[in-house]
Structures are given as C-alpha cells and as structure tokens.
C-alpha atoms as a PDB file:
ATOM      1  CA  MET A   1      17.065  64.027  48.508  1.00  0.00           C
ATOM      2  CA  ASN A   2      20.737  63.404  47.341  1.00  0.00           C
ATOM      3  CA  HIS A   3      19.971  59.734  46.701  1.00  0.00           C
ATOM      4  CA  LEU A   4      17.228  57.080  45.110  1.00  0.00           C
ATOM      5  CA  ARG A   5      15.354  54.854  47.557  1.00  0.00           C
ATOM      6  CA  ALA A   6      15.989  51.678  47.300  1.00  0.00           C
ATOM      7  CA  LEU A   7      15.144  49.405  44.617  1.00  0.00           C
ATOM      8  CA  ALA A   8      12.466  47.472  46.349  1.00  0.00           C
ATOM      9  CA  ASP A   9      11.013  50.596  48.260  1.00  0.00           C
ATOM     10  CA  CYS A  10      10.467  52.310  44.272  1.00  0.00           C
ATOM     11  CA  GLY A  11       8.526  49.191  43.602  1.00  0.00           C
ATOM     12  CA  ILE A  12      10.519  47.756  41.193  1.00  0.00           C
ATOM     13  CA  GLY A  13      11.401  44.113  40.071  1.00  0.00           C
ATOM     14  CA  ARG A  14       9.652  40.918  41.590  1.00  0.00           C
ATOM     15  CA  THR A  15       7.563  40.796  38.915  1.00  0.00           C
ATOM     16  CA  PRO A  16       5.426  37.866  37.646  1.00  0.00           C
ATOM     17  CA  CYS A  17       6.482  34.955  35.107  1.00  0.00           C
ATOM     18  CA  LEU A  18       3.003  34.209  34.514  1.00  0.00           C
ATOM     19  CA  ALA A  19       2.313  30.434  31.924  1.00  0.00           C
ATOM     20  CA  ALA A  20       0.962  31.198  28.634  1.00  0.00           C
ATOM     21  CA  SER A  21      -0.956  28.124  27.918  1.00  0.00           C
ATOM     22  CA  ARG A  22      -3.771  29.472  26.064  1.00  0.00           C
ATOM     23  CA  PHE A  23      -1.230  31.621  23.157  1.00  0.00           C
ATOM     24  CA  CYS A  24       0.736  28.518  23.430  1.00  0.00           C
ATOM     25  CA  PRO A  25      -0.922  25.049  24.082  1.00  0.00           C
ATOM     26  CA  GLU A  26       2.261  23.013  22.398  1.00  0.00           C
ATOM     27  CA  GLY A  27       4.600  23.322  25.365  1.00  0.00           C
ATOM     28  CA  ARG A  28       5.861  25.334  28.448  1.00  0.00           C
ATOM     29  CA  LEU A  29       5.914  29.085  27.402  1.00  0.00           C
ATOM     30  CA  LEU A  30       6.447  31.749  29.943  1.00  0.00           C
ATOM     31  CA  ILE A  31       6.176  35.421  30.285  1.00  0.00           C
ATOM     32  CA  LYS A  32       8.162  37.416  32.337  1.00  0.00           C
ATOM     33  CA  LEU A  33       5.629  40.507  32.839  1.00  0.00           C
ATOM     34  CA  GLU A  34       7.341  43.627  33.024  1.00  0.00           C
ATOM     35  CA  SER A  35       4.002  46.243  33.283  1.00  0.00           C
ATOM     36  CA  GLY A  36       4.371  45.478  37.445  1.00  0.00           C
ATOM     37  CA  ASN A  37       7.160  47.733  37.552  1.00  0.00           C
ATOM     38  CA  ARG A  38       6.764  51.305  38.950  1.00  0.00           C
ATOM     39  CA  SER A  39       6.053  53.253  35.864  1.00  0.00           C
ATOM     40  CA  GLY A  40       4.703  50.212  33.662  1.00  0.00           C
ATOM     41  CA  SER A  41       8.081  48.906  31.886  1.00  0.00           C
ATOM     42  CA  ILE A  42      11.248  47.026  32.753  1.00  0.00           C
ATOM     43  CA  LYS A  43      12.801  50.593  31.756  1.00  0.00           C
ATOM     44  CA  ALA A  44      12.473  51.245  35.211  1.00  0.00           C
ATOM     45  CA  ARG A  45      14.854  48.435  36.281  1.00  0.00           C
ATOM     46  CA  THR A  46      17.466  50.024  33.912  1.00  0.00           C
ATOM     47  CA  ALA A  47      16.029  53.729  35.032  1.00  0.00           C
ATOM     48  CA  TRP A  48      17.054  52.994  38.551  1.00  0.00           C
ATOM     49  CA  TYR A  49      20.371  51.274  38.076  1.00  0.00           C
ATOM     50  CA  LEU A  50      21.533  54.400  35.162  1.00  0.00           C
ATOM     51  CA  LEU A  51      20.360  57.226  37.875  1.00  0.00           C
ATOM     52  CA  ASP A  52      21.766  55.280  41.232  1.00  0.00           C
ATOM     53  CA  GLU A  53      24.796  55.009  39.529  1.00  0.00           C
ATOM     54  CA  SER A  54      25.107  58.833  38.365  1.00  0.00           C
ATOM     55  CA  VAL A  55      23.861  60.004  41.718  1.00  0.00           C
ATOM     56  CA  ARG A  56      26.554  58.364  43.916  1.00  0.00           C
ATOM     57  CA  ALA A  57      29.247  59.824  41.233  1.00  0.00           C
ATOM     58  CA  GLY A  58      28.071  63.180  41.806  1.00  0.00           C
ATOM     59  CA  ARG A  59      26.931  63.406  38.151  1.00  0.00           C
ATOM     60  CA  VAL A  60      23.661  64.175  38.896  1.00  0.00           C
ATOM     61  CA  LYS A  61      22.186  65.922  41.531  1.00  0.00           C
ATOM     62  CA  GLN A  62      19.897  68.612  42.956  1.00  0.00           C
ATOM     63  CA  GLY A  63      18.791  70.786  39.625  1.00  0.00           C
ATOM     64  CA  SER A  64      20.792  68.626  37.032  1.00  0.00           C
ATOM     65  CA  THR A  65      18.800  68.026  33.816  1.00  0.00           C
ATOM     66  CA  LEU A  66      18.393  64.649  32.136  1.00  0.00           C
ATOM     67  CA  VAL A  67      18.136  64.036  28.358  1.00  0.00           C
ATOM     68  CA  GLU A  68      17.663  60.708  26.503  1.00  0.00           C
ATOM     69  CA  SER A  69      16.506  59.128  23.752  1.00  0.00           C
ATOM     70  CA  THR A  70      13.303  57.516  24.546  1.00  0.00           C
ATOM     71  CA  SER A  71      10.489  55.210  22.593  1.00  0.00           C
ATOM     72  CA  GLY A  72       8.802  56.266  25.938  1.00  0.00           C
ATOM     73  CA  ASN A  73       9.229  53.486  28.831  1.00  0.00           C
ATOM     74  CA  LEU A  74      13.091  55.016  29.809  1.00  0.00           C
ATOM     75  CA  GLY A  75      12.113  58.591  29.402  1.00  0.00           C
ATOM     76  CA  LEU A  76       8.792  57.920  31.716  1.00  0.00           C
ATOM     77  CA  ALA A  77      11.056  55.894  34.292  1.00  0.00           C
ATOM     78  CA  LEU A  78      13.860  58.797  34.328  1.00  0.00           C
ATOM     79  CA  ALA A  79      10.887  61.580  34.499  1.00  0.00           C
ATOM     80  CA  ASP A  80       9.748  59.549  37.836  1.00  0.00           C
ATOM     81  CA  LEU A  81      12.713  58.600  39.178  1.00  0.00           C
ATOM     82  CA  GLY A  82      14.245  61.962  38.672  1.00  0.00           C
ATOM     83  CA  ARG A  83      12.327  63.882  40.620  1.00  0.00           C
ATOM     84  CA  GLN A  84      13.652  61.911  44.006  1.00  0.00           C
ATOM     85  CA  VAL A  85      16.316  63.740  43.651  1.00  0.00           C
ATOM     86  CA  GLY A  86      15.461  67.165  41.821  1.00  0.00           C
ATOM     87  CA  ALA A  87      16.299  66.390  38.682  1.00  0.00           C
ATOM     88  CA  SER A  88      14.311  67.177  35.482  1.00  0.00           C
ATOM     89  CA  THR A  89      14.004  65.118  32.542  1.00  0.00           C
ATOM     90  CA  VAL A  90      13.694  65.957  28.664  1.00  0.00           C
ATOM     91  CA  CYS A  91      12.980  62.954  26.610  1.00  0.00           C
ATOM     92  CA  VAL A  92      13.644  63.025  22.996  1.00  0.00           C
ATOM     93  CA  VAL A  93      11.239  60.932  21.245  1.00  0.00           C
ATOM     94  CA  ASP A  94       9.960  60.208  17.095  1.00  0.00           C
ATOM     95  CA  PRO A  95       6.682  60.930  15.494  1.00  0.00           C
ATOM     96  CA  THR A  96       6.530  56.695  15.808  1.00  0.00           C
ATOM     97  CA  VAL A  97       6.030  56.925  19.417  1.00  0.00           C
ATOM     98  CA  SER A  98       2.390  56.349  20.507  1.00  0.00           C
ATOM     99  CA  GLU A  99       0.204  59.072  21.886  1.00  0.00           C
ATOM    100  CA  ALA A 100      -0.607  57.386  25.132  1.00  0.00           C
ATOM    101  CA  LYS A 101       2.712  57.423  25.664  1.00  0.00           C
ATOM    102  CA  ILE A 102       3.895  60.652  24.689  1.00  0.00           C
ATOM    103  CA  SER A 103       0.974  61.381  27.138  1.00  0.00           C
ATOM    104  CA  LYS A 104       2.585  60.123  30.187  1.00  0.00           C
ATOM    105  CA  LEU A 105       5.679  61.649  29.878  1.00  0.00           C
ATOM    106  CA  VAL A 106       4.085  64.832  29.795  1.00  0.00           C
ATOM    107  CA  ALA A 107       2.365  63.983  32.604  1.00  0.00           C
ATOM    108  CA  ALA A 108       5.052  62.550  34.686  1.00  0.00           C
ATOM    109  CA  GLY A 109       6.714  66.160  33.855  1.00  0.00           C
ATOM    110  CA  ALA A 110       9.007  65.174  31.194  1.00  0.00           C
ATOM    111  CA  GLU A 111       9.538  67.871  28.329  1.00  0.00           C
ATOM    112  CA  VAL A 112       9.328  66.278  25.497  1.00  0.00           C
ATOM    113  CA  LEU A 113      11.673  67.156  22.003  1.00  0.00           C
ATOM    114  CA  PHE A 114      10.826  65.460  18.564  1.00  0.00           C
ATOM    115  CA  ALA A 115      13.788  64.100  16.273  1.00  0.00           C
ATOM    116  CA  ARG A 116      13.110  64.404  12.501  1.00  0.00           C
ATOM    117  CA  LEU A 117      14.285  62.178  10.026  1.00  0.00           C
ATOM    118  CA  ASP A 118      16.365  63.965   7.013  1.00  0.00           C
ATOM    119  CA  GLU A 119      19.312  63.002   4.568  1.00  0.00           C
ATOM    120  CA  LYS A 120      21.897  62.664   6.917  1.00  0.00           C
ATOM    121  CA  PHE A 121      19.329  60.613   9.489  1.00  0.00           C
ATOM    122  CA  ARG A 122      17.080  57.891   8.011  1.00  0.00           C
ATOM    123  CA  ASP A 123      15.862  55.927  10.986  1.00  0.00           C
ATOM    124  CA  TYR A 124      14.329  57.749  13.983  1.00  0.00           C
ATOM    125  CA  PRO A 125      16.971  55.958  16.896  1.00  0.00           C
ATOM    126  CA  THR A 126      19.800  57.460  14.737  1.00  0.00           C
ATOM    127  CA  ALA A 127      17.777  60.554  14.623  1.00  0.00           C
ATOM    128  CA  ARG A 128      17.096  61.011  18.286  1.00  0.00           C
ATOM    129  CA  ILE A 129      20.603  60.054  19.238  1.00  0.00           C
ATOM    130  CA  ALA A 130      22.148  62.618  16.925  1.00  0.00           C
ATOM    131  CA  GLU A 131      19.639  64.932  18.940  1.00  0.00           C
ATOM    132  CA  VAL A 132      20.214  64.135  22.010  1.00  0.00           C
ATOM    133  CA  GLU A 133      23.983  64.501  21.540  1.00  0.00           C
ATOM    134  CA  ARG A 134      23.351  68.123  20.179  1.00  0.00           C
ATOM    135  CA  LEU A 135      21.589  69.305  23.458  1.00  0.00           C
ATOM    136  CA  VAL A 136      24.228  67.825  25.588  1.00  0.00           C
ATOM    137  CA  LYS A 137      26.970  69.591  23.426  1.00  0.00           C
ATOM    138  CA  GLU A 138      24.548  72.922  23.599  1.00  0.00           C
ATOM    139  CA  ARG A 139      23.405  73.004  26.741  1.00  0.00           C
ATOM    140  CA  GLY A 140      25.451  70.945  29.155  1.00  0.00           C
ATOM    141  CA  TRP A 141      22.183  68.642  29.655  1.00  0.00           C
ATOM    142  CA  ILE A 142      23.357  65.137  31.288  1.00  0.00           C
ATOM    143  CA  TRP A 143      22.732  62.085  28.843  1.00  0.00           C
ATOM    144  CA  LEU A 144      22.923  58.573  30.946  1.00  0.00           C
ATOM    145  CA  ASN A 145      23.041  56.808  27.361  1.00  0.00           C
ATOM    146  CA  GLN A 146      20.680  53.865  28.062  1.00  0.00           C
ATOM    147  CA  TYR A 147      22.685  52.693  24.857  1.00  0.00           C
ATOM    148  CA  ALA A 148      26.388  52.435  25.934  1.00  0.00           C
ATOM    149  CA  THR A 149      26.528  52.752  29.686  1.00  0.00           C
ATOM    150  CA  PRO A 150      27.146  49.047  31.476  1.00  0.00           C
ATOM    151  CA  ALA A 151      25.080  50.011  34.489  1.00  0.00           C
ATOM    152  CA  GLY A 152      21.694  49.215  32.286  1.00  0.00           C
ATOM    153  CA  MET A 153      22.998  46.041  31.689  1.00  0.00           C
ATOM    154  CA  LYS A 154      24.020  45.450  35.207  1.00  0.00           C
ATOM    155  CA  ALA A 155      20.672  45.848  36.101  1.00  0.00           C
ATOM    156  CA  HIS A 156      18.863  42.945  34.193  1.00  0.00           C
ATOM    157  CA  GLU A 157      22.179  40.766  35.019  1.00  0.00           C
ATOM    158  CA  GLU A 158      21.584  41.877  38.988  1.00  0.00           C
ATOM    159  CA  THR A 159      17.831  41.793  39.018  1.00  0.00           C
ATOM    160  CA  THR A 160      15.934  39.825  36.119  1.00  0.00           C
ATOM    161  CA  GLY A 161      17.982  37.403  35.380  1.00  0.00           C
ATOM    162  CA  PRO A 162      18.056  35.795  39.063  1.00  0.00           C
ATOM    163  CA  GLU A 163      14.701  36.296  39.041  1.00  0.00           C
ATOM    164  CA  ILE A 164      13.939  34.542  36.096  1.00  0.00           C
ATOM    165  CA  TRP A 165      16.150  31.719  37.400  1.00  0.00           C
ATOM    166  CA  THR A 166      14.050  32.090  40.612  1.00  0.00           C
ATOM    167  CA  ASP A 167      11.186  31.831  39.080  1.00  0.00           C
ATOM    168  CA  THR A 168      11.643  29.106  36.566  1.00  0.00           C
ATOM    169  CA  ALA A 169      13.253  27.258  39.724  1.00  0.00           C
ATOM    170  CA  GLY A 170      16.323  26.864  37.272  1.00  0.00           C
ATOM    171  CA  ARG A 171      14.055  24.914  34.623  1.00  0.00           C
ATOM    172  CA  ILE A 172      14.663  26.786  31.370  1.00  0.00           C
ATOM    173  CA  ASP A 173      16.218  25.785  28.083  1.00  0.00           C
ATOM    174  CA  CYS A 174      15.574  29.160  26.428  1.00  0.00           C
ATOM    175  CA  VAL A 175      15.194  32.663  26.945  1.00  0.00           C
ATOM    176  CA  VAL A 176      13.721  35.078  24.183  1.00  0.00           C
ATOM    177  CA  ALA A 177      13.880  38.750  24.280  1.00  0.00           C
ATOM    178  CA  ALA A 178      13.596  41.782  22.098  1.00  0.00           C
ATOM    179  CA  VAL A 179      16.745  43.724  21.526  1.00  0.00           C
ATOM    180  CA  GLY A 180      17.467  47.885  21.461  1.00  0.00           C
ATOM    181  CA  THR A 181      20.108  48.591  23.339  1.00  0.00           C
ATOM    182  CA  GLY A 182      20.913  45.121  24.331  1.00  0.00           C
ATOM    183  CA  GLY A 183      21.357  45.611  27.731  1.00  0.00           C
ATOM    184  CA  THR A 184      18.760  43.835  29.217  1.00  0.00           C
ATOM    185  CA  ILE A 185      19.199  40.705  27.185  1.00  0.00           C
ATOM    186  CA  CYS A 186      23.071  40.857  27.863  1.00  0.00           C
ATOM    187  CA  GLY A 187      22.192  41.005  31.464  1.00  0.00           C
ATOM    188  CA  ILE A 188      19.871  38.121  31.733  1.00  0.00           C
ATOM    189  CA  GLY A 189      21.822  35.838  29.397  1.00  0.00           C
ATOM    190  CA  ARG A 190      25.300  37.065  31.224  1.00  0.00           C
ATOM    191  CA  TYR A 191      23.788  35.658  34.775  1.00  0.00           C
ATOM    192  CA  LEU A 192      21.964  32.996  32.971  1.00  0.00           C
ATOM    193  CA  LYS A 193      25.238  31.539  31.324  1.00  0.00           C
ATOM    194  CA  GLN A 194      26.999  32.106  34.759  1.00  0.00           C
ATOM    195  CA  VAL A 195      24.126  29.412  36.172  1.00  0.00           C
ATOM    196  CA  ALA A 196      23.594  27.243  33.180  1.00  0.00           C
ATOM    197  CA  PRO A 197      25.819  27.738  30.365  1.00  0.00           C
ATOM    198  CA  ALA A 198      23.385  25.564  27.983  1.00  0.00           C
ATOM    199  CA  ILE A 199      20.682  27.850  28.183  1.00  0.00           C
ATOM    200  CA  GLN A 200      20.316  29.156  24.554  1.00  0.00           C
ATOM    201  CA  VAL A 201      19.698  33.229  24.198  1.00  0.00           C
ATOM    202  CA  VAL A 202      17.497  34.436  21.658  1.00  0.00           C
ATOM    203  CA  ALA A 203      17.515  38.151  20.667  1.00  0.00           C
ATOM    204  CA  VAL A 204      14.422  39.532  18.425  1.00  0.00           C
ATOM    205  CA  GLU A 205      14.319  42.826  16.406  1.00  0.00           C
ATOM    206  CA  PRO A 206      11.925  43.744  13.751  1.00  0.00           C
ATOM    207  CA  VAL A 207      12.449  43.936  10.054  1.00  0.00           C
ATOM    208  CA  GLY A 208      14.232  47.374   9.405  1.00  0.00           C
ATOM    209  CA  SER A 209      16.264  47.052  12.262  1.00  0.00           C
ATOM    210  CA  THR A 210      19.932  46.058  11.598  1.00  0.00           C
ATOM    211  CA  ILE A 211      21.194  45.453  14.929  1.00  0.00           C
ATOM    212  CA  PHE A 212      22.825  42.094  13.365  1.00  0.00           C
ATOM    213  CA  GLY A 213      22.333  42.525  10.326  1.00  0.00           C
ATOM    214  CA  GLY A 214      19.908  43.087   7.366  1.00  0.00           C
ATOM    215  CA  HIS A 215      18.400  45.528   4.887  1.00  0.00           C
ATOM    216  CA  PRO A 216      17.470  48.704   6.791  1.00  0.00           C
ATOM    217  CA  GLY A 217      13.823  49.989   7.062  1.00  0.00           C
ATOM    218  CA  PRO A 218      10.800  51.649   8.520  1.00  0.00           C
ATOM    219  CA  PHE A 219       9.731  49.898  11.770  1.00  0.00           C
ATOM    220  CA  ILE A 220       7.660  51.205  15.117  1.00  0.00           C
ATOM    221  CA  SER A 221       9.970  52.697  17.897  1.00  0.00           C
ATOM    222  CA  ALA A 222       8.409  50.277  20.163  1.00  0.00           C
ATOM    223  CA  GLY A 223      11.761  50.025  22.299  1.00  0.00           C
ATOM    224  CA  SER A 224      13.140  47.485  19.814  1.00  0.00           C
ATOM    225  CA  GLY A 225      15.348  48.314  17.018  1.00  0.00           C
ATOM    226  CA  LEU A 226      18.509  49.989  15.880  1.00  0.00           C
ATOM    227  CA  ALA A 227      20.690  51.146  13.076  1.00  0.00           C
ATOM    228  CA  GLY A 228      23.549  48.380  13.943  1.00  0.00           C
ATOM    229  CA  PRO A 229      24.479  47.290  17.270  1.00  0.00           C
ATOM    230  CA  SER A 230      24.753  49.422  20.123  1.00  0.00           C
ATOM    231  CA  SER A 231      27.998  49.844  22.015  1.00  0.00           C
ATOM    232  CA  LEU A 232      26.318  47.155  25.038  1.00  0.00           C
ATOM    233  CA  VAL A 233      25.724  44.905  22.167  1.00  0.00           C
ATOM    234  CA  LYS A 234      29.489  45.018  20.829  1.00  0.00           C
ATOM    235  CA  ARG A 235      30.815  44.830  24.102  1.00  0.00           C
ATOM    236  CA  PHE A 236      28.812  41.981  25.736  1.00  0.00           C
ATOM    237  CA  GLY A 237      26.280  40.627  22.651  1.00  0.00           C
ATOM    238  CA  ASN A 238      28.769  37.106  22.952  1.00  0.00           C
ATOM    239  CA  VAL A 239      26.043  35.807  24.920  1.00  0.00           C
ATOM    240  CA  ILE A 240      23.355  36.101  22.334  1.00  0.00           C
ATOM    241  CA  ASP A 241      22.920  32.811  20.569  1.00  0.00           C
ATOM    242  CA  PHE A 242      20.413  33.717  17.985  1.00  0.00           C
ATOM    243  CA  VAL A 243      18.776  36.431  16.337  1.00  0.00           C
ATOM    244  CA  ALA A 244      14.913  36.730  14.710  1.00  0.00           C
ATOM    245  CA  LYS A 245      13.374  39.594  12.945  1.00  0.00           C
ATOM    246  CA  VAL A 246       9.714  39.987  13.331  1.00  0.00           C
ATOM    247  CA  PRO A 247       7.365  42.194  10.908  1.00  0.00           C
ATOM    248  CA  ASP A 248       5.907  44.883  12.723  1.00  0.00           C
ATOM    249  CA  ALA A 249       2.302  43.589  11.344  1.00  0.00           C
ATOM    250  CA  MET A 250       2.792  40.029  12.881  1.00  0.00           C
ATOM    251  CA  ALA A 251       3.878  41.719  16.369  1.00  0.00           C
ATOM    252  CA  ALA A 252       1.122  44.008  16.426  1.00  0.00           C
ATOM    253  CA  SER A 253      -1.595  41.214  15.368  1.00  0.00           C
ATOM    254  CA  ILE A 254       0.000  39.075  17.800  1.00  0.00           C
ATOM    255  CA  CYS A 255      -0.393  41.733  20.342  1.00  0.00           C
ATOM    256  CA  ASN A 256      -4.066  41.854  19.902  1.00  0.00           C
ATOM    257  CA  SER A 257      -4.728  38.092  20.067  1.00  0.00           C
ATOM    258  CA  PHE A 258      -2.689  37.310  23.060  1.00  0.00           C
ATOM    259  CA  ALA A 259      -4.826  40.039  24.989  1.00  0.00           C
ATOM    260  CA  GLN A 260      -7.830  37.857  23.697  1.00  0.00           C
ATOM    261  CA  THR A 261      -6.509  34.493  24.810  1.00  0.00           C
ATOM    262  CA  GLU A 262      -4.645  35.487  28.359  1.00  0.00           C
ATOM    263  CA  ALA A 263      -5.668  37.216  30.933  1.00  0.00           C
ATOM    264  CA  PHE A 264      -2.777  39.668  31.037  1.00  0.00           C
ATOM    265  CA  THR A 265      -1.571  41.397  28.143  1.00  0.00           C
ATOM    266  CA  VAL A 266       1.707  42.187  26.217  1.00  0.00           C
ATOM    267  CA  GLY A 267       3.534  45.031  24.479  1.00  0.00           C
ATOM    268  CA  ILE A 268       4.499  45.256  20.524  1.00  0.00           C
ATOM    269  CA  THR A 269       7.994  43.608  21.729  1.00  0.00           C
ATOM    270  CA  GLY A 270       6.743  41.270  24.144  1.00  0.00           C
ATOM    271  CA  ALA A 271       4.722  40.003  21.359  1.00  0.00           C
ATOM    272  CA  ALA A 272       7.499  39.791  18.961  1.00  0.00           C
ATOM    273  CA  ALA A 273       9.375  37.836  21.301  1.00  0.00           C
ATOM    274  CA  ALA A 274       6.145  35.418  21.987  1.00  0.00           C
ATOM    275  CA  ALA A 275       5.704  34.483  19.233  1.00  0.00           C
ATOM    276  CA  VAL A 276       9.681  33.421  18.553  1.00  0.00           C
ATOM    277  CA  ALA A 277       9.313  31.646  21.453  1.00  0.00           C
ATOM    278  CA  ARG A 278       6.441  29.520  20.882  1.00  0.00           C
ATOM    279  CA  GLN A 279       8.064  28.969  17.235  1.00  0.00           C
ATOM    280  CA  ILE A 280      10.930  27.298  19.560  1.00  0.00           C
ATOM    281  CA  ILE A 281       8.758  25.437  21.822  1.00  0.00           C
ATOM    282  CA  ILE A 282       6.788  23.838  18.333  1.00  0.00           C
ATOM    283  CA  GLN A 283      10.267  22.574  17.033  1.00  0.00           C
ATOM    284  CA  HIS A 284      11.283  21.879  21.086  1.00  0.00           C
ATOM    285  CA  PRO A 285       8.127  20.626  22.890  1.00  0.00           C
ATOM    286  CA  ASP A 286      10.222  19.744  25.848  1.00  0.00           C
ATOM    287  CA  TRP A 287      11.472  22.781  26.407  1.00  0.00           C
ATOM    288  CA  SER A 288      11.045  25.511  29.521  1.00  0.00           C
ATOM    289  CA  VAL A 289      11.067  28.829  27.359  1.00  0.00           C
ATOM    290  CA  VAL A 290      10.639  32.527  28.833  1.00  0.00           C
ATOM    291  CA  ALA A 291       9.708  35.229  26.287  1.00  0.00           C
ATOM    292  CA  LEU A 292      10.437  38.869  28.129  1.00  0.00           C
ATOM    293  CA  ALA A 293       7.465  41.110  27.926  1.00  0.00           C
ATOM    294  CA  ALA A 294       8.660  44.907  28.506  1.00  0.00           C
ATOM    295  CA  ASP A 295       5.525  46.483  29.215  1.00  0.00           C
ATOM    296  CA  GLY A 296       1.668  46.093  28.534  1.00  0.00           C
ATOM    297  CA  CYS A 297      -0.489  46.788  25.180  1.00  0.00           C
ATOM    298  CA  GLU A 298      -1.911  49.820  26.767  1.00  0.00           C
ATOM    299  CA  ASN A 299       0.836  52.005  25.605  1.00  0.00           C
ATOM    300  CA  TYR A 300       0.105  51.014  21.876  1.00  0.00           C
ATOM    301  CA  ALA A 301      -3.773  51.633  21.562  1.00  0.00           C
ATOM    302  CA  ASP A 302      -3.148  53.923  18.462  1.00  0.00           C
ATOM    303  CA  ALA A 303      -0.270  52.025  16.971  1.00  0.00           C
ATOM    304  CA  LEU A 304      -2.512  48.295  17.109  1.00  0.00           C
ATOM    305  CA  LYS A 305      -5.393  50.108  15.627  1.00  0.00           C
ATOM    306  CA  ALA A 306      -3.579  51.442  12.405  1.00  0.00           C
ATOM    307  CA  THR A 307      -4.543  49.554   8.816  1.00  0.00           C
ATOM    308  CA  ASP A 308      -0.775  49.051   7.636  1.00  0.00           C
ATOM    309  CA  LEU A 309      -0.250  46.877  10.895  1.00  0.00           C
ATOM    310  CA  VAL A 310      -3.067  44.468  10.148  1.00  0.00           C
ATOM    311  CA  GLY A 311      -1.209  40.842   9.639  1.00  0.00           C
ATOM    312  CA  PRO A 312      -1.271  37.649  10.018  1.00  0.00           C
ATOM    313  CA  SER A 313      -0.700  36.434  14.241  1.00  0.00           C
ATOM    314  CA  TYR A 314       1.136  33.143  13.038  1.00  0.00           C
ATOM    315  CA  GLY A 315       4.078  32.693  10.450  1.00  0.00           C
ATOM    316  CA  GLU A 316       7.399  31.303   9.852  1.00  0.00           C
ATOM    317  CA  ILE A 317      10.232  33.235  11.425  1.00  0.00           C
ATOM    318  CA  ALA A 318      13.411  32.764  10.756  1.00  0.00           C
ATOM    319  CA  ILE A 319      15.670  31.800  13.653  1.00  0.00           C
ATOM    320  CA  LEU A 320      19.291  32.114  12.678  1.00  0.00           C
ATOM    321  CA  PRO A 321      22.594  32.204  14.755  1.00  0.00           C
ATOM    322  CA  VAL A 322      24.196  35.367  15.314  1.00  0.00           C
ATOM    323  CA  PRO A 323      26.603  36.643  12.842  1.00  0.00           C
ATOM    324  CA  LEU A 324      30.090  37.116  14.094  1.00  0.00           C
ATOM    325  CA  ILE A 325      29.292  36.691  17.632  1.00  0.00           C
ATOM    326  CA  ALA A 326      27.357  33.678  17.622  1.00  0.00           C
ATOM    327  CA  GLY A 327      27.552  30.846  21.020  1.00  0.00           C
ATOM    328  CA  SER A 328      26.167  27.548  20.841  1.00  0.00           C
ATOM    329  CA  MET A 329      23.888  26.503  18.628  1.00  0.00           C
ATOM    330  CA  LEU A 330      19.996  25.215  19.113  1.00  0.00           C
ATOM    331  CA  SER A 331      19.903  21.490  18.526  1.00  0.00           C
ATOM    332  CA  THR A 332      17.773  19.657  16.105  1.00  0.00           C
END
C-alpha cells in the first residue's frame, strides 16, 4: 500500500471528553481522554499526519526506515502506521522511558536504541535528538521530526481542537495540556482561539524542563519537557497564555490517586495537566476547563512504584504568564 488508510479508518480521533467530578468536585473539569486512540495515545494523531504528509510527498515509501526520538508513544504509533506503507521504524529512547513502553515498542516491530548522557548532552531529550541526527546523517534514515514539522501541529488544529469545541458545545474557558514538542498545545490553541479568542491556553511542563525558562534538572521522559523551546513552540507558541511547572512526584501521586477516584485513568502528563486545571477551577469556580490526557496510566506502572516519586497529590502550583510570547492574562 502506498498510502495510509483514512484517519477514522485507522481508529484515530473522536475520543471522549469525560467529567472528572470526583477528582475535582470544585467545578467543571473535563478530561480529553486520548488513550482510546489506536496505539493508545494522542501521538497516533501526530504520527498519522506526519507520515501521511511524507508518503504523499514521496519521501516515505516501501522499504523506508523511519527514525524518531520518542518517549514511547510517537514511536509506537509510527511503528504501527508505518507497516501500512511498508516502512520500518527505529525508536531512540532513554533509560527513563518505562519498561512497559519499551515492551510495546518491541512488540510493534520497532527497533529500540538508547541514548545516553555525557558531558555534551546533559538531558535525555537533547541526547535523543542528537542521536537521531547522527543516524540520519550516517545511515540515511528518515526523520519525520515531531519537534519542527508543522504537520504534527496541524493534526491537533484540524482534529483535537475541533473535537474539544464540539465535546464542550462551545462552553470552554480554558484548556490545559502538557508540552514537549509543542505540537499538541499549539494546534489546539490555534483552533480554539480562532473560534473563541478569549479561551485561555495553559501549558504544563515538568520541573527541570526549560521550554519556558527556569533551572534545568532531571525529569521523567513521559512525553513532556525539553531543554528550551522546540521549533514549533518558537514559531506558534504565541497562542499559549500561561505556563505551570509540576514536579514529577506530584504528577505521579495524582496519577495514582486519579485512578482510585475516577472510572478512567490518566498518564503522568495528563495527571500534571489535571492538577493545574483543578487549581484554575478552584480560583475560577464558574469556569469550564478541559485538561488533555495524552495516554493512560498503564504505561507508567514501574515509574509509579518508584520510591523517589512519592509525593503530595496536591500543592500550590505557580501559573505564570508565558515569557516573551504571552498572550492574554488570566483574570483574577
């Protein structure tokens, strides 16, 4: 096959938006639950758009080898969808990626390579990207580059954003999402601000990530966080109004407690987004807030058991205007 099946035929999109009334009894918190996508995460949308564009351009074809820096979800989606066009997938991961995700990548037929830290690369996402760039140069593999290719953002401008607007019947004041490449939040933000410019877009990154500045440090590679802003955030991040940093320990604890209180689960980045969304609702109880859950908690079973990730489920989180690219301000 020299083309991908249609998005809906691949089991991608039209995911539910569910109320988290037990987790957040203070007001209307909705969770956009992306674990129902093919391959189990929101990255199925990104992968389909990235791959479809490259197939149509003739860049990816039968026998091509794709290589991508991934915390697991995009790699799994690419390995799955790549088979439709006869392409193989190599995933560059790091030691913080969960064993559950590694097992899924191998089961999907992906080759898994590990990036390591050294004196030149002191954070894992940067080390992964550098390894991908080396492999592209030395072996001629194809990097679809989720960090810079606008097609990845287009996936969410054309699908996720419109779905959120429809799911809420236009009753939405704020959307909260974790940020790594920035494609998800920028795409959602671009769509929602077109239909309702007053909607607030709040980005969440782990403590230690420096997409929006701050002090660098270690954090879990769970799909969010980066050393500095990606090309997508630099180009399209003006739709982001506020940023919040959530410690890994708090996100992990919320991930566990969420599973005990609600009938569905969220992954670590979804838990961080939900925590920020809940705080916003406490400050603005009449608001309707949507938090994005990129995947479920099943991918993080080993990480959630780690003793160094035992922390409070709640705590004050600073929600600050985005430096340099700030749009509107959260009203007080």
